[in-house]
Amino acid sequence: MSETKESFSEIINGNTPVLVDFFATWCGPCKMQTPILSEVSEELGNKARILKLDVDRNQNLAQKFGVRGVPTLIIFKNGEVKWRTSGVKMKDELVTLLKQYS
C-alpha cells in the first residue's frame, strides 16, 4: 500500500483554511511558535490545517510568497492568501482567524 503525498498547491487550494508557518530551524521565535501551533491544531481539529515549511529547504516557495523574515504565517483558502503576518502570534488570535475562514 503506497502513501500519496499532497503537493503544497493541492493543500492550499482546498476549501479548508490552511495556516502555513514559514520557519527556520535556527530561528528562536520560530521555536516559540511551534507549541502554539500544536495547541491551535488540537483546538480546531479538522476545521483547519497547519503546515510548517522550512524556508531553508523550500526556498522557492518562500521566495514565491515574499517571505523575508521568519516566522511568517500565511492563511490560505481556495488558493488565495487571506491573511499574513511575521512574528510570533498567540493561540487565541490564530484560532479566531482560522474560524473566520472555516
N, C-alpha and C. Protein backbone atom coordinates (compact mmCIF):
# COMPACT_ATOMS: atom_id res chain seq x y z
N MET A 1 0.85 -1.19 0.00
CA MET A 1 0.00 0.00 0.00
C MET A 1 0.89 1.24 0.00
N SER A 2 0.71 2.11 -0.96
CA SER A 2 1.56 3.30 -1.03
C SER A 2 0.81 4.52 -0.51
N GLU A 3 1.60 5.40 0.08
CA GLU A 3 1.03 6.62 0.63
C GLU A 3 1.09 7.71 -0.43
N THR A 4 0.03 8.44 -0.61
CA THR A 4 0.07 9.55 -1.54
C THR A 4 0.32 10.83 -0.77
N LYS A 5 1.23 11.62 -1.28
CA LYS A 5 1.52 12.89 -0.63
C LYS A 5 0.88 14.01 -1.43
N GLU A 6 0.19 14.87 -0.72
CA GLU A 6 -0.40 16.03 -1.38
C GLU A 6 0.68 17.06 -1.64
N SER A 7 0.57 17.74 -2.75
CA SER A 7 1.51 18.82 -3.02
C SER A 7 1.09 20.06 -2.26
N PHE A 8 2.02 20.99 -2.11
CA PHE A 8 1.72 22.26 -1.45
C PHE A 8 0.54 22.93 -2.13
N SER A 9 0.55 22.92 -3.45
CA SER A 9 -0.52 23.55 -4.24
C SER A 9 -1.87 22.90 -3.94
N GLU A 10 -1.91 21.58 -3.88
CA GLU A 10 -3.17 20.88 -3.58
C GLU A 10 -3.68 21.25 -2.20
N ILE A 11 -2.77 21.36 -1.24
CA ILE A 11 -3.17 21.67 0.14
C ILE A 11 -3.76 23.07 0.23
N ILE A 12 -3.08 24.07 -0.32
CA ILE A 12 -3.56 25.46 -0.16
C ILE A 12 -4.76 25.77 -1.04
N ASN A 13 -5.01 24.95 -2.05
CA ASN A 13 -6.16 25.18 -2.92
C ASN A 13 -7.44 24.53 -2.42
N GLY A 14 -7.38 23.88 -1.27
CA GLY A 14 -8.55 23.23 -0.71
C GLY A 14 -9.51 24.23 -0.08
N ASN A 15 -10.68 23.73 0.29
CA ASN A 15 -11.72 24.56 0.89
C ASN A 15 -11.49 24.76 2.40
N THR A 16 -10.59 23.98 2.98
CA THR A 16 -10.26 24.11 4.40
C THR A 16 -9.16 25.16 4.54
N PRO A 17 -9.30 26.09 5.49
CA PRO A 17 -8.22 27.07 5.67
C PRO A 17 -6.93 26.38 6.10
N VAL A 18 -5.82 26.86 5.56
CA VAL A 18 -4.51 26.30 5.85
C VAL A 18 -3.62 27.41 6.38
N LEU A 19 -3.10 27.20 7.57
CA LEU A 19 -2.12 28.13 8.15
C LEU A 19 -0.75 27.58 7.84
N VAL A 20 0.02 28.31 7.05
CA VAL A 20 1.38 27.89 6.70
C VAL A 20 2.35 28.69 7.55
N ASP A 21 3.20 27.96 8.27
CA ASP A 21 4.23 28.56 9.11
C ASP A 21 5.56 28.42 8.36
N PHE A 22 6.01 29.53 7.79
CA PHE A 22 7.33 29.56 7.16
C PHE A 22 8.33 29.80 8.29
N PHE A 23 9.19 28.81 8.55
CA PHE A 23 10.09 28.88 9.70
C PHE A 23 11.51 28.47 9.29
N ALA A 24 12.43 28.62 10.24
CA ALA A 24 13.80 28.14 10.06
C ALA A 24 14.23 27.45 11.35
N THR A 25 15.01 26.39 11.21
CA THR A 25 15.42 25.61 12.37
C THR A 25 16.30 26.43 13.33
N TRP A 26 16.99 27.43 12.82
CA TRP A 26 17.89 28.25 13.63
C TRP A 26 17.20 29.45 14.26
N CYS A 27 15.91 29.61 14.04
CA CYS A 27 15.17 30.81 14.46
C CYS A 27 14.54 30.60 15.84
N GLY A 28 14.95 31.43 16.82
CA GLY A 28 14.42 31.35 18.17
C GLY A 28 12.91 31.56 18.26
N PRO A 29 12.39 32.67 17.69
CA PRO A 29 10.93 32.88 17.73
C PRO A 29 10.15 31.75 17.07
N CYS A 30 10.73 31.13 16.04
CA CYS A 30 10.04 30.01 15.36
C CYS A 30 9.85 28.85 16.35
N LYS A 31 10.85 28.64 17.20
CA LYS A 31 10.75 27.56 18.19
C LYS A 31 9.66 27.87 19.21
N MET A 32 9.43 29.15 19.49
CA MET A 32 8.35 29.54 20.41
C MET A 32 6.98 29.34 19.75
N GLN A 33 6.91 29.51 18.43
CA GLN A 33 5.63 29.42 17.70
C GLN A 33 5.15 27.97 17.61
N THR A 34 6.07 27.01 17.53
CA THR A 34 5.70 25.61 17.30
C THR A 34 4.70 25.06 18.31
N PRO A 35 4.93 25.18 19.64
CA PRO A 35 3.93 24.64 20.57
C PRO A 35 2.59 25.37 20.50
N ILE A 36 2.61 26.64 20.15
CA ILE A 36 1.36 27.40 19.99
C ILE A 36 0.56 26.81 18.83
N LEU A 37 1.24 26.49 17.73
CA LEU A 37 0.56 25.90 16.58
C LEU A 37 -0.01 24.53 16.91
N SER A 38 0.68 23.78 17.76
CA SER A 38 0.16 22.48 18.19
C SER A 38 -1.15 22.65 18.96
N GLU A 39 -1.22 23.67 19.81
CA GLU A 39 -2.44 23.94 20.57
C GLU A 39 -3.57 24.36 19.63
N VAL A 40 -3.26 25.18 18.64
CA VAL A 40 -4.26 25.61 17.65
C VAL A 40 -4.81 24.39 16.92
N SER A 41 -3.92 23.51 16.50
CA SER A 41 -4.32 22.30 15.78
C SER A 41 -5.22 21.42 16.64
N GLU A 42 -4.86 21.26 17.92
CA GLU A 42 -5.68 20.47 18.84
C GLU A 42 -7.07 21.05 18.98
N GLU A 43 -7.16 22.37 19.11
CA GLU A 43 -8.45 23.02 19.32
C GLU A 43 -9.34 22.95 18.08
N LEU A 44 -8.76 23.14 16.91
CA LEU A 44 -9.57 23.22 15.69
C LEU A 44 -9.79 21.88 15.01
N GLY A 45 -8.95 20.91 15.28
CA GLY A 45 -9.12 19.59 14.65
C GLY A 45 -9.11 19.69 13.14
N ASN A 46 -10.15 19.13 12.49
CA ASN A 46 -10.18 19.11 11.02
C ASN A 46 -10.80 20.36 10.41
N LYS A 47 -11.06 21.40 11.21
CA LYS A 47 -11.61 22.65 10.67
C LYS A 47 -10.55 23.50 9.99
N ALA A 48 -9.29 23.18 10.25
CA ALA A 48 -8.18 23.91 9.64
C ALA A 48 -6.96 22.99 9.57
N ARG A 49 -6.06 23.33 8.67
CA ARG A 49 -4.81 22.58 8.57
C ARG A 49 -3.66 23.50 8.91
N ILE A 50 -2.62 22.94 9.48
CA ILE A 50 -1.42 23.70 9.77
C ILE A 50 -0.26 22.99 9.09
N LEU A 51 0.50 23.78 8.36
CA LEU A 51 1.61 23.25 7.59
C LEU A 51 2.86 24.04 7.94
N LYS A 52 3.92 23.35 8.30
CA LYS A 52 5.19 24.01 8.61
C LYS A 52 6.12 23.82 7.42
N LEU A 53 6.71 24.93 6.96
CA LEU A 53 7.63 24.88 5.83
C LEU A 53 8.96 25.51 6.22
N ASP A 54 10.01 24.73 6.17
CA ASP A 54 11.36 25.21 6.45
C ASP A 54 11.83 26.05 5.26
N VAL A 55 12.09 27.33 5.51
CA VAL A 55 12.46 28.23 4.40
C VAL A 55 13.80 27.84 3.78
N ASP A 56 14.68 27.23 4.55
CA ASP A 56 15.98 26.82 4.00
C ASP A 56 15.83 25.64 3.05
N ARG A 57 14.84 24.80 3.28
CA ARG A 57 14.61 23.63 2.42
C ARG A 57 13.59 23.92 1.31
N ASN A 58 12.86 25.00 1.44
CA ASN A 58 11.81 25.36 0.47
C ASN A 58 11.99 26.80 0.01
N GLN A 59 13.18 27.12 -0.45
CA GLN A 59 13.50 28.50 -0.82
C GLN A 59 12.61 29.04 -1.93
N ASN A 60 12.24 28.18 -2.88
CA ASN A 60 11.39 28.64 -3.98
C ASN A 60 10.02 29.10 -3.49
N LEU A 61 9.42 28.32 -2.57
CA LEU A 61 8.10 28.71 -2.04
C LEU A 61 8.22 29.96 -1.17
N ALA A 62 9.27 30.05 -0.37
CA ALA A 62 9.46 31.24 0.47
C ALA A 62 9.60 32.47 -0.42
N GLN A 63 10.34 32.34 -1.49
CA GLN A 63 10.53 33.46 -2.42
C GLN A 63 9.22 33.79 -3.13
N LYS A 64 8.50 32.77 -3.56
CA LYS A 64 7.24 32.98 -4.28
C LYS A 64 6.25 33.80 -3.45
N PHE A 65 6.22 33.55 -2.13
CA PHE A 65 5.27 34.25 -1.26
C PHE A 65 5.90 35.43 -0.52
N GLY A 66 7.08 35.84 -0.95
CA GLY A 66 7.70 37.05 -0.41
C GLY A 66 8.06 36.97 1.07
N VAL A 67 8.45 35.79 1.52
CA VAL A 67 8.83 35.62 2.92
C VAL A 67 10.22 36.21 3.11
N ARG A 68 10.30 37.27 3.93
CA ARG A 68 11.57 37.94 4.17
C ARG A 68 12.09 37.74 5.59
N GLY A 69 11.18 37.35 6.49
CA GLY A 69 11.56 37.10 7.88
C GLY A 69 10.81 35.89 8.39
N VAL A 70 11.36 35.27 9.41
CA VAL A 70 10.70 34.09 9.99
C VAL A 70 10.50 34.32 11.49
N PRO A 71 9.42 33.81 12.05
CA PRO A 71 8.36 33.10 11.34
C PRO A 71 7.44 34.04 10.57
N THR A 72 7.00 33.59 9.41
CA THR A 72 5.94 34.27 8.67
C THR A 72 4.77 33.29 8.61
N LEU A 73 3.60 33.75 9.00
CA LEU A 73 2.39 32.93 9.00
C LEU A 73 1.46 33.45 7.92
N ILE A 74 0.98 32.53 7.07
CA ILE A 74 0.06 32.90 5.99
C ILE A 74 -1.13 31.93 6.03
N ILE A 75 -2.34 32.49 5.99
CA ILE A 75 -3.54 31.66 5.91
C ILE A 75 -4.01 31.66 4.45
N PHE A 76 -4.16 30.46 3.90
CA PHE A 76 -4.67 30.26 2.54
C PHE A 76 -6.04 29.59 2.63
N LYS A 77 -6.89 29.93 1.66
CA LYS A 77 -8.14 29.19 1.46
C LYS A 77 -8.47 29.29 -0.01
N ASN A 78 -8.78 28.15 -0.62
CA ASN A 78 -9.07 28.09 -2.07
C ASN A 78 -7.95 28.74 -2.88
N GLY A 79 -6.71 28.57 -2.42
CA GLY A 79 -5.55 29.08 -3.16
C GLY A 79 -5.26 30.55 -2.98
N GLU A 80 -6.09 31.24 -2.20
CA GLU A 80 -5.90 32.68 -2.00
C GLU A 80 -5.29 32.96 -0.64
N VAL A 81 -4.40 33.97 -0.60
CA VAL A 81 -3.87 34.43 0.68
C VAL A 81 -4.95 35.25 1.35
N LYS A 82 -5.38 34.82 2.54
CA LYS A 82 -6.44 35.51 3.28
C LYS A 82 -5.87 36.42 4.36
N TRP A 83 -4.68 36.06 4.87
CA TRP A 83 -4.09 36.81 5.98
C TRP A 83 -2.61 36.44 6.06
N ARG A 84 -1.79 37.39 6.47
CA ARG A 84 -0.38 37.07 6.67
C ARG A 84 0.23 38.03 7.68
N THR A 85 1.25 37.54 8.36
CA THR A 85 1.97 38.35 9.33
C THR A 85 3.34 37.73 9.56
N SER A 86 4.21 38.50 10.14
CA SER A 86 5.51 37.98 10.57
C SER A 86 5.59 38.12 12.07
N GLY A 87 6.30 37.20 12.70
CA GLY A 87 6.45 37.23 14.14
C GLY A 87 5.55 36.21 14.82
N VAL A 88 5.79 36.01 16.10
CA VAL A 88 5.05 35.03 16.88
C VAL A 88 3.64 35.55 17.17
N LYS A 89 2.66 34.70 16.97
CA LYS A 89 1.26 35.03 17.26
C LYS A 89 0.73 34.05 18.30
N MET A 90 -0.15 34.54 19.15
CA MET A 90 -0.72 33.72 20.22
C MET A 90 -1.87 32.86 19.71
N LYS A 91 -2.14 31.80 20.45
CA LYS A 91 -3.14 30.80 20.09
C LYS A 91 -4.51 31.42 19.83
N ASP A 92 -5.01 32.24 20.77
CA ASP A 92 -6.37 32.76 20.64
C ASP A 92 -6.56 33.55 19.35
N GLU A 93 -5.56 34.35 19.00
CA GLU A 93 -5.65 35.14 17.76
C GLU A 93 -5.70 34.23 16.54
N LEU A 94 -4.87 33.20 16.53
CA LEU A 94 -4.83 32.28 15.38
C LEU A 94 -6.12 31.46 15.28
N VAL A 95 -6.64 31.02 16.40
CA VAL A 95 -7.89 30.24 16.40
C VAL A 95 -9.02 31.11 15.85
N THR A 96 -9.11 32.35 16.33
CA THR A 96 -10.16 33.27 15.86
C THR A 96 -10.06 33.49 14.37
N LEU A 97 -8.84 33.73 13.88
CA LEU A 97 -8.64 33.96 12.45
C LEU A 97 -9.04 32.74 11.62
N LEU A 98 -8.59 31.56 12.04
CA LEU A 98 -8.89 30.36 11.26
C LEU A 98 -10.38 30.04 11.28
N LYS A 99 -11.05 30.28 12.40
CA LYS A 99 -12.50 30.06 12.45
C LYS A 99 -13.23 30.99 11.49
N GLN A 100 -12.70 32.20 11.36
CA GLN A 100 -13.29 33.19 10.47
C GLN A 100 -13.30 32.71 9.02
N TYR A 101 -12.31 31.92 8.65
CA TYR A 101 -12.21 31.43 7.26
C TYR A 101 -12.72 30.00 7.08
N SER A 102 -13.24 29.37 8.15
CA SER A 102 -13.73 28.00 8.03
C SER A 102 -15.04 27.94 7.26
